[in-house]
Amino acid sequence: MICEAILEIKSDAQVSVSGMDIDTCIIEWIDDNPTNITREQIKDKINETQYQRDRKPEYPSVKDQLDYIYHNGIAKWKSDVVKPVKDAHPKP
């Protein structure tokens, strides 16, 4: 998760991370961190994308969603399938 956030900030960053907690992990910048990415920036990026990780397992499979749309229409799919997940995990 920490490496993913760093790569979202700078896609060609060369970094190694030991640990799962951004406050206590060891970040080794193989490329010397030329853009000076800070832990605060990494925290912000993790929080920014957390809602996406929370939503993903709650959505039905694509096959099931398409079947729902076929039988109930897009408006019902939005209100019955998409909206409850988005309401449960809003964007920050």
Foldseek 3Di string as FASTA:
>chain_A
DLVVLVCVVPVPWDWDWDDDDLVPIDIDGPPVPPVPDDSVSSVVSCLQCVLVVQLVVQADDPVVLVVCCVVPNDVCSCVPGVVVSCVVRPGD
